[in-house]
């Protein structure tokens, strides 16, 4: 693959210019780790902040910074692993055919070395956490390893992704509280799962035609003509679960008002969602802001 790789980066790349300025070998590594698409590590990071803040760790800014680094490294590692496993499928889907392994620009050996390097950064972050949070964090490894295969065996791979990509919520909560008061955490995590499944269903709208031709499972396909209703139902579940988590943390009706901004934002997403064109990607990316609004809500409740 020549330098035209930078011009054929998948459509959801946000920083083509930055990536294109790198020497070719480094550019391929950056693309493997999705450096050009920071939305992924924001979505992985925000549940960490939610769990930490709602659990009362609102003063743990140092740990929060480590969690952000961990989200960047482990999201990158997960993407590299996903590309190694999915190279054959990626080569048959227009949006992913230019990925370094699928296109032949990077060897699998190089990808494995890069994966291990990113995991080493993740290990450094892991060592900063209390031992209980370390145990919880390690519990995600089996879920992560299985995820790339879900699209091959189920029409609802987003349901598995919801378990994987929001695992930071239990890690953050346990970092703040240990293994105490797990009922609010259960509600928080259930809401995180629904949120992730909803936003990734929106993301998958971009690939419906290719996924159908290749035979890849997707909730955007499985919902059929009811994608908006499905996404709306999942966001409603998320908000109800988050309300339960807040109530179990602080049984005060006023505390629930902290959810108003994120509720309005998710309502806007559903009300204005268009299932084709550029809108699915724009709505998907807007969850970076939704994550911030939810973090603010958790901070307000957790600091009270």
Protein backbone atom coordinates (compact mmCIF):
# COMPACT_ATOMS: atom_id res chain seq x y z
CA UNK A 1 0.00 0.00 0.00
CA UNK A 2 1.42 3.37 -1.00
CA UNK A 3 1.10 6.74 0.65
CA UNK A 4 -2.42 6.97 -0.74
CA UNK A 5 -3.41 5.10 2.40
CA UNK A 6 -3.84 8.46 4.11
CA UNK A 7 -6.35 9.45 1.46
CA UNK A 8 -8.37 6.25 1.74
CA UNK A 9 -8.68 6.13 5.50
CA UNK A 10 -12.10 4.94 6.61
CA UNK A 11 -14.74 7.69 6.37
CA UNK A 12 -15.04 8.20 10.12
CA UNK A 13 -11.42 9.32 10.47
CA UNK A 14 -11.28 12.69 12.25
CA UNK A 15 -7.60 13.55 11.85
CA UNK A 16 -6.50 12.57 8.36
CA UNK A 17 -4.01 15.43 8.18
CA UNK A 18 -2.29 14.45 11.43
CA UNK A 19 -2.06 10.80 10.44
CA UNK A 20 -0.94 11.62 6.90
CA UNK A 21 1.99 13.65 8.28
CA UNK A 22 3.50 10.56 9.92
CA UNK A 23 6.08 8.36 8.17
CA UNK A 24 4.40 5.37 6.54
CA UNK A 25 5.27 2.70 9.18
CA UNK A 26 4.15 4.96 12.04
CA UNK A 27 1.06 5.95 10.09
CA UNK A 28 0.04 2.31 9.82
CA UNK A 29 0.47 1.83 13.57
CA UNK A 30 -1.57 4.95 14.24
CA UNK A 31 -4.34 3.68 11.99
CA UNK A 32 -4.29 0.28 13.67
CA UNK A 33 -4.77 1.93 17.08
CA UNK A 34 -7.37 4.36 15.65
CA UNK A 35 -5.37 7.41 16.70
CA UNK A 36 -7.28 9.23 13.98
CA UNK A 37 -10.56 8.47 15.77
CA UNK A 38 -10.37 9.58 19.42
CA UNK A 39 -14.12 9.08 19.88
CA UNK A 40 -13.42 5.45 20.74
CA UNK A 41 -11.25 6.13 23.73
CA UNK A 42 -13.62 8.81 24.99
CA UNK A 43 -16.44 6.28 24.93
CA UNK A 44 -14.25 3.79 26.79
CA UNK A 45 -13.10 6.39 29.30
CA UNK A 46 -16.38 8.04 30.31
CA UNK A 47 -17.81 4.98 32.15
CA UNK A 48 -14.58 4.90 34.20
CA UNK A 49 -15.25 8.48 35.27
CA UNK A 50 -18.91 7.72 35.99
CA UNK A 51 -18.08 4.83 38.30
CA UNK A 52 -15.32 6.75 40.05
CA UNK A 53 -17.38 9.91 40.57
CA UNK A 54 -20.65 8.25 41.57
CA UNK A 55 -18.74 6.03 43.98
CA UNK A 56 -17.48 9.13 45.76
CA UNK A 57 -14.03 9.39 44.20
CA UNK A 58 -14.55 12.96 43.04
CA UNK A 59 -11.14 14.05 44.35
CA UNK A 60 -9.20 11.23 42.67
CA UNK A 61 -7.98 13.28 39.71
CA UNK A 62 -4.66 11.48 39.51
CA UNK A 63 -6.38 8.11 39.13
CA UNK A 64 -8.76 9.63 36.60
CA UNK A 65 -5.78 10.73 34.49
CA UNK A 66 -4.33 7.23 34.65
CA UNK A 67 -7.70 5.84 33.58
CA UNK A 68 -7.71 8.16 30.58
CA UNK A 69 -4.27 6.89 29.56
CA UNK A 70 -5.50 3.34 30.08
CA UNK A 71 -8.55 3.97 27.93
CA UNK A 72 -6.38 5.31 25.11
CA UNK A 73 -3.94 2.38 25.28
CA UNK A 74 -6.48 -0.41 25.71
CA UNK A 75 -8.87 0.95 23.12
CA UNK A 76 -5.92 0.94 20.74
CA UNK A 77 -4.98 -2.60 21.75
CA UNK A 78 -8.55 -3.77 21.29
CA UNK A 79 -8.67 -2.27 17.80
CA UNK A 80 -5.41 -3.93 16.80
CA UNK A 81 -6.67 -7.29 18.07
CA UNK A 82 -9.98 -6.78 16.29
CA UNK A 83 -8.18 -6.02 13.02
CA UNK A 84 -6.00 -9.11 13.34
CA UNK A 85 -9.05 -11.33 13.82
CA UNK A 86 -11.25 -9.55 11.26
CA UNK A 87 -8.77 -8.95 8.44
CA UNK A 88 -10.68 -11.23 6.06
CA UNK A 89 -14.02 -9.54 6.77
CA UNK A 90 -12.56 -6.03 6.73
CA UNK A 91 -11.20 -6.57 3.23
CA UNK A 92 -14.77 -7.20 2.00
CA UNK A 93 -16.39 -4.10 3.56
CA UNK A 94 -15.93 -0.76 1.83
CA UNK A 95 -15.53 1.29 5.04
CA UNK A 96 -12.80 -1.00 6.45
CA UNK A 97 -10.98 -2.31 3.36
CA UNK A 98 -8.22 0.33 3.74
CA UNK A 99 -7.29 -0.79 7.26
CA UNK A 100 -3.56 -1.66 7.42
CA UNK A 101 -3.84 -5.44 7.89
CA UNK A 102 -6.80 -5.90 5.53
CA UNK A 103 -5.05 -3.88 2.82
CA UNK A 104 -1.68 -5.58 3.28
CA UNK A 105 0.09 -2.40 4.42
CA UNK A 106 1.02 -3.99 7.77
CA UNK A 107 1.97 -7.58 8.59
CA UNK A 108 0.28 -9.54 11.35
CA UNK A 109 3.65 -9.89 13.10
CA UNK A 110 4.02 -6.12 13.30
CA UNK A 111 0.43 -5.85 14.52
CA UNK A 112 1.06 -8.37 17.32
CA UNK A 113 4.18 -6.47 18.47
CA UNK A 114 2.18 -3.22 18.51
CA UNK A 115 -0.63 -4.95 20.42
CA UNK A 116 1.77 -6.15 23.11
CA UNK A 117 3.31 -2.67 23.38
CA UNK A 118 -0.09 -1.10 24.00
CA UNK A 119 -0.92 -3.81 26.54
CA UNK A 120 2.30 -2.96 28.39
CA UNK A 121 1.02 0.61 28.78
CA UNK A 122 -2.27 -0.83 30.02
CA UNK A 123 -0.38 -2.92 32.58
CA UNK A 124 1.38 0.20 33.86
CA UNK A 125 -2.03 1.83 34.37
CA UNK A 126 -3.39 -1.29 36.04
CA UNK A 127 -0.63 -1.16 38.65
CA UNK A 128 -1.80 2.31 39.74
CA UNK A 129 -5.18 0.95 40.92
CA UNK A 130 -6.08 -0.59 44.26
CA UNK A 131 -5.96 -4.37 44.16
CA UNK A 132 -9.75 -4.79 44.11
CA UNK A 133 -10.02 -2.63 40.99
CA UNK A 134 -7.14 -4.56 39.42
CA UNK A 135 -9.09 -7.79 39.87
CA UNK A 136 -12.17 -6.25 38.27
CA UNK A 137 -10.17 -4.84 35.37
CA UNK A 138 -8.59 -8.22 34.62
CA UNK A 139 -12.06 -9.74 34.55
CA UNK A 140 -12.71 -8.00 31.24
CA UNK A 141 -10.03 -9.88 29.31
CA UNK A 142 -12.19 -12.86 28.36
CA UNK A 143 -14.98 -10.56 27.19
CA UNK A 144 -12.54 -8.55 25.08
CA UNK A 145 -11.00 -11.66 23.52
CA UNK A 146 -14.40 -13.02 22.49
CA UNK A 147 -15.88 -9.83 21.05
CA UNK A 148 -14.45 -9.94 17.47
CA UNK A 149 -16.10 -13.32 16.94
CA UNK A 150 -19.59 -12.21 18.01
CA UNK A 151 -20.50 -10.67 14.64
CA UNK A 152 -19.89 -14.07 13.07
CA UNK A 153 -22.26 -15.98 15.34
CA UNK A 154 -24.99 -13.55 16.38
CA UNK A 155 -27.12 -10.80 14.93
CA UNK A 156 -26.61 -8.76 18.09
CA UNK A 157 -22.83 -8.28 18.54
CA UNK A 158 -23.54 -4.84 20.02
CA UNK A 159 -24.99 -6.60 23.07
CA UNK A 160 -21.57 -8.13 23.74
CA UNK A 161 -19.80 -4.86 23.00
CA UNK A 162 -21.99 -3.23 25.66
CA UNK A 163 -20.47 -5.58 28.24
CA UNK A 164 -16.93 -4.94 27.03
CA UNK A 165 -16.80 -1.24 26.29
CA UNK A 166 -18.38 -0.07 29.54
CA UNK A 167 -16.33 -2.26 31.88
CA UNK A 168 -14.66 0.91 33.13
CA UNK A 169 -17.75 1.66 35.23
CA UNK A 170 -17.16 -1.29 37.60
CA UNK A 171 -13.43 -0.54 37.64
CA UNK A 172 -14.02 3.10 38.58
CA UNK A 173 -16.64 2.24 41.19
CA UNK A 174 -14.50 -0.40 42.88
CA UNK A 175 -11.50 1.94 42.81
CA UNK A 176 -13.59 4.43 44.81
CA UNK A 177 -15.48 2.09 47.13
CA UNK A 178 -13.94 -1.37 47.09
CA UNK A 179 -16.53 -4.14 46.97
CA UNK A 180 -19.04 -2.23 49.07
CA UNK A 181 -22.47 -0.96 47.95
CA UNK A 182 -22.68 -2.98 44.74
CA UNK A 183 -26.39 -2.33 44.09
CA UNK A 184 -25.82 1.16 42.65
CA UNK A 185 -23.01 -0.26 40.52
CA UNK A 186 -25.30 -2.93 39.07
CA UNK A 187 -27.79 -0.27 38.00
CA UNK A 188 -25.04 1.98 36.63
CA UNK A 189 -23.49 -0.84 34.59
CA UNK A 190 -26.85 -1.94 33.20
CA UNK A 191 -27.44 1.61 32.01
CA UNK A 192 -23.96 1.75 30.50
CA UNK A 193 -24.67 -1.46 28.60
CA UNK A 194 -27.87 -0.05 27.10
CA UNK A 195 -26.14 3.24 26.21
CA UNK A 196 -23.32 1.47 24.42
CA UNK A 197 -25.63 -0.87 22.55
CA UNK A 198 -27.68 2.11 21.38
CA UNK A 199 -24.81 4.27 20.15
CA UNK A 200 -23.12 1.33 18.41
CA UNK A 201 -26.38 0.48 16.69
CA UNK A 202 -26.35 4.03 15.33
CA UNK A 203 -22.73 3.55 14.24
CA UNK A 204 -23.59 0.26 12.51
CA UNK A 205 -26.14 2.04 10.29
CA UNK A 206 -23.17 3.02 8.11
CA UNK A 207 -22.44 -0.60 7.20
CA UNK A 208 -25.88 -2.17 6.83
CA UNK A 209 -25.60 -2.95 3.13
CA UNK A 210 -22.06 -4.31 3.31
CA UNK A 211 -22.78 -6.30 6.47
CA UNK A 212 -25.80 -7.91 4.84
CA UNK A 213 -23.78 -8.91 1.76
CA UNK A 214 -20.85 -10.26 3.78
CA UNK A 215 -23.06 -12.00 6.32
CA UNK A 216 -21.95 -10.05 9.40
CA UNK A 217 -24.38 -9.73 12.29
CA UNK A 218 -25.45 -6.25 13.40
CA UNK A 219 -28.17 -4.81 15.60
CA UNK A 220 -28.75 -2.19 12.90
CA UNK A 221 -29.79 -5.08 10.64
CA UNK A 222 -31.58 -7.04 13.35
CA UNK A 223 -33.79 -4.08 14.29
CA UNK A 224 -34.88 -3.90 10.65
CA UNK A 225 -37.27 -1.01 10.11
CA UNK A 226 -37.39 -0.27 13.84
CA UNK A 227 -33.90 1.13 14.45
CA UNK A 228 -35.18 4.43 15.85
CA UNK A 229 -37.54 2.62 18.23
CA UNK A 230 -34.78 0.22 19.25
CA UNK A 231 -32.30 3.01 19.94
CA UNK A 232 -34.97 4.99 21.78
CA UNK A 233 -35.84 2.00 23.93
CA UNK A 234 -32.19 1.39 24.79
CA UNK A 235 -31.57 5.03 25.70
CA UNK A 236 -34.71 4.95 27.86
CA UNK A 237 -33.39 1.86 29.62
CA UNK A 238 -30.04 3.60 30.14
CA UNK A 239 -31.64 6.64 31.74
CA UNK A 240 -33.90 4.57 33.99
CA UNK A 241 -30.99 2.47 35.18
CA UNK A 242 -28.84 5.54 35.76
CA UNK A 243 -31.69 7.11 37.71
CA UNK A 244 -31.80 3.95 39.83
CA UNK A 245 -28.05 4.12 40.43
CA UNK A 246 -28.30 7.75 41.53
CA UNK A 247 -31.27 7.03 43.78
CA UNK A 248 -29.47 4.11 45.43
CA UNK A 249 -26.49 6.39 45.98
CA UNK A 250 -28.44 9.43 47.18
CA UNK A 251 -32.18 9.00 47.77
CA UNK A 252 -33.11 12.58 46.98
CA UNK A 253 -35.48 13.60 44.15
CA UNK A 254 -33.31 16.65 43.49
CA UNK A 255 -30.36 14.36 42.73
CA UNK A 256 -32.28 12.93 39.78
CA UNK A 257 -32.33 16.38 38.20
CA UNK A 258 -28.63 15.90 37.47
CA UNK A 259 -29.72 13.57 34.67
CA UNK A 260 -31.74 16.25 32.89
CA UNK A 261 -28.97 17.46 30.52
CA UNK A 262 -27.94 14.00 29.34
CA UNK A 263 -31.61 12.99 29.05
CA UNK A 264 -32.30 15.91 26.73
CA UNK A 265 -29.24 15.12 24.68
CA UNK A 266 -30.22 11.48 24.15
CA UNK A 267 -33.78 12.56 23.31
CA UNK A 268 -32.34 14.90 20.67
CA UNK A 269 -30.33 12.04 19.19
CA UNK A 270 -33.39 9.83 18.77
CA UNK A 271 -35.72 12.58 17.59
CA UNK A 272 -33.37 13.79 14.85
CA UNK A 273 -31.71 10.51 13.83
CA UNK A 274 -31.47 9.89 10.10
CA UNK A 275 -30.57 6.36 9.09
CA UNK A 276 -28.42 7.23 6.09
CA UNK A 277 -25.91 9.81 4.92
CA UNK A 278 -23.56 11.44 7.39
CA UNK A 279 -26.02 11.64 10.27
CA UNK A 280 -25.35 8.23 11.91
CA UNK A 281 -21.67 9.06 12.27
CA UNK A 282 -22.45 12.54 13.62
CA UNK A 283 -24.94 11.15 16.16
CA UNK A 284 -22.51 8.42 17.19
CA UNK A 285 -19.76 10.97 17.79
CA UNK A 286 -22.11 13.17 19.80
CA UNK A 287 -21.99 10.54 22.55
CA UNK A 288 -18.63 11.99 23.51
CA UNK A 289 -20.65 14.98 24.78
CA UNK A 290 -23.31 12.71 26.26
CA UNK A 291 -20.54 11.02 28.24
CA UNK A 292 -19.38 14.37 29.57
CA UNK A 293 -22.92 15.30 30.63
CA UNK A 294 -23.30 12.00 32.46
CA UNK A 295 -19.91 12.48 34.12
CA UNK A 296 -21.07 15.88 35.36
CA UNK A 297 -24.21 14.28 36.80
CA UNK A 298 -22.20 11.60 38.59
CA UNK A 299 -19.78 14.20 39.94
CA UNK A 300 -22.59 16.34 41.35
CA UNK A 301 -24.22 13.36 43.06
CA UNK A 302 -20.98 11.77 44.21
CA UNK A 303 -19.61 15.01 45.67
CA UNK A 304 -22.78 15.82 47.62
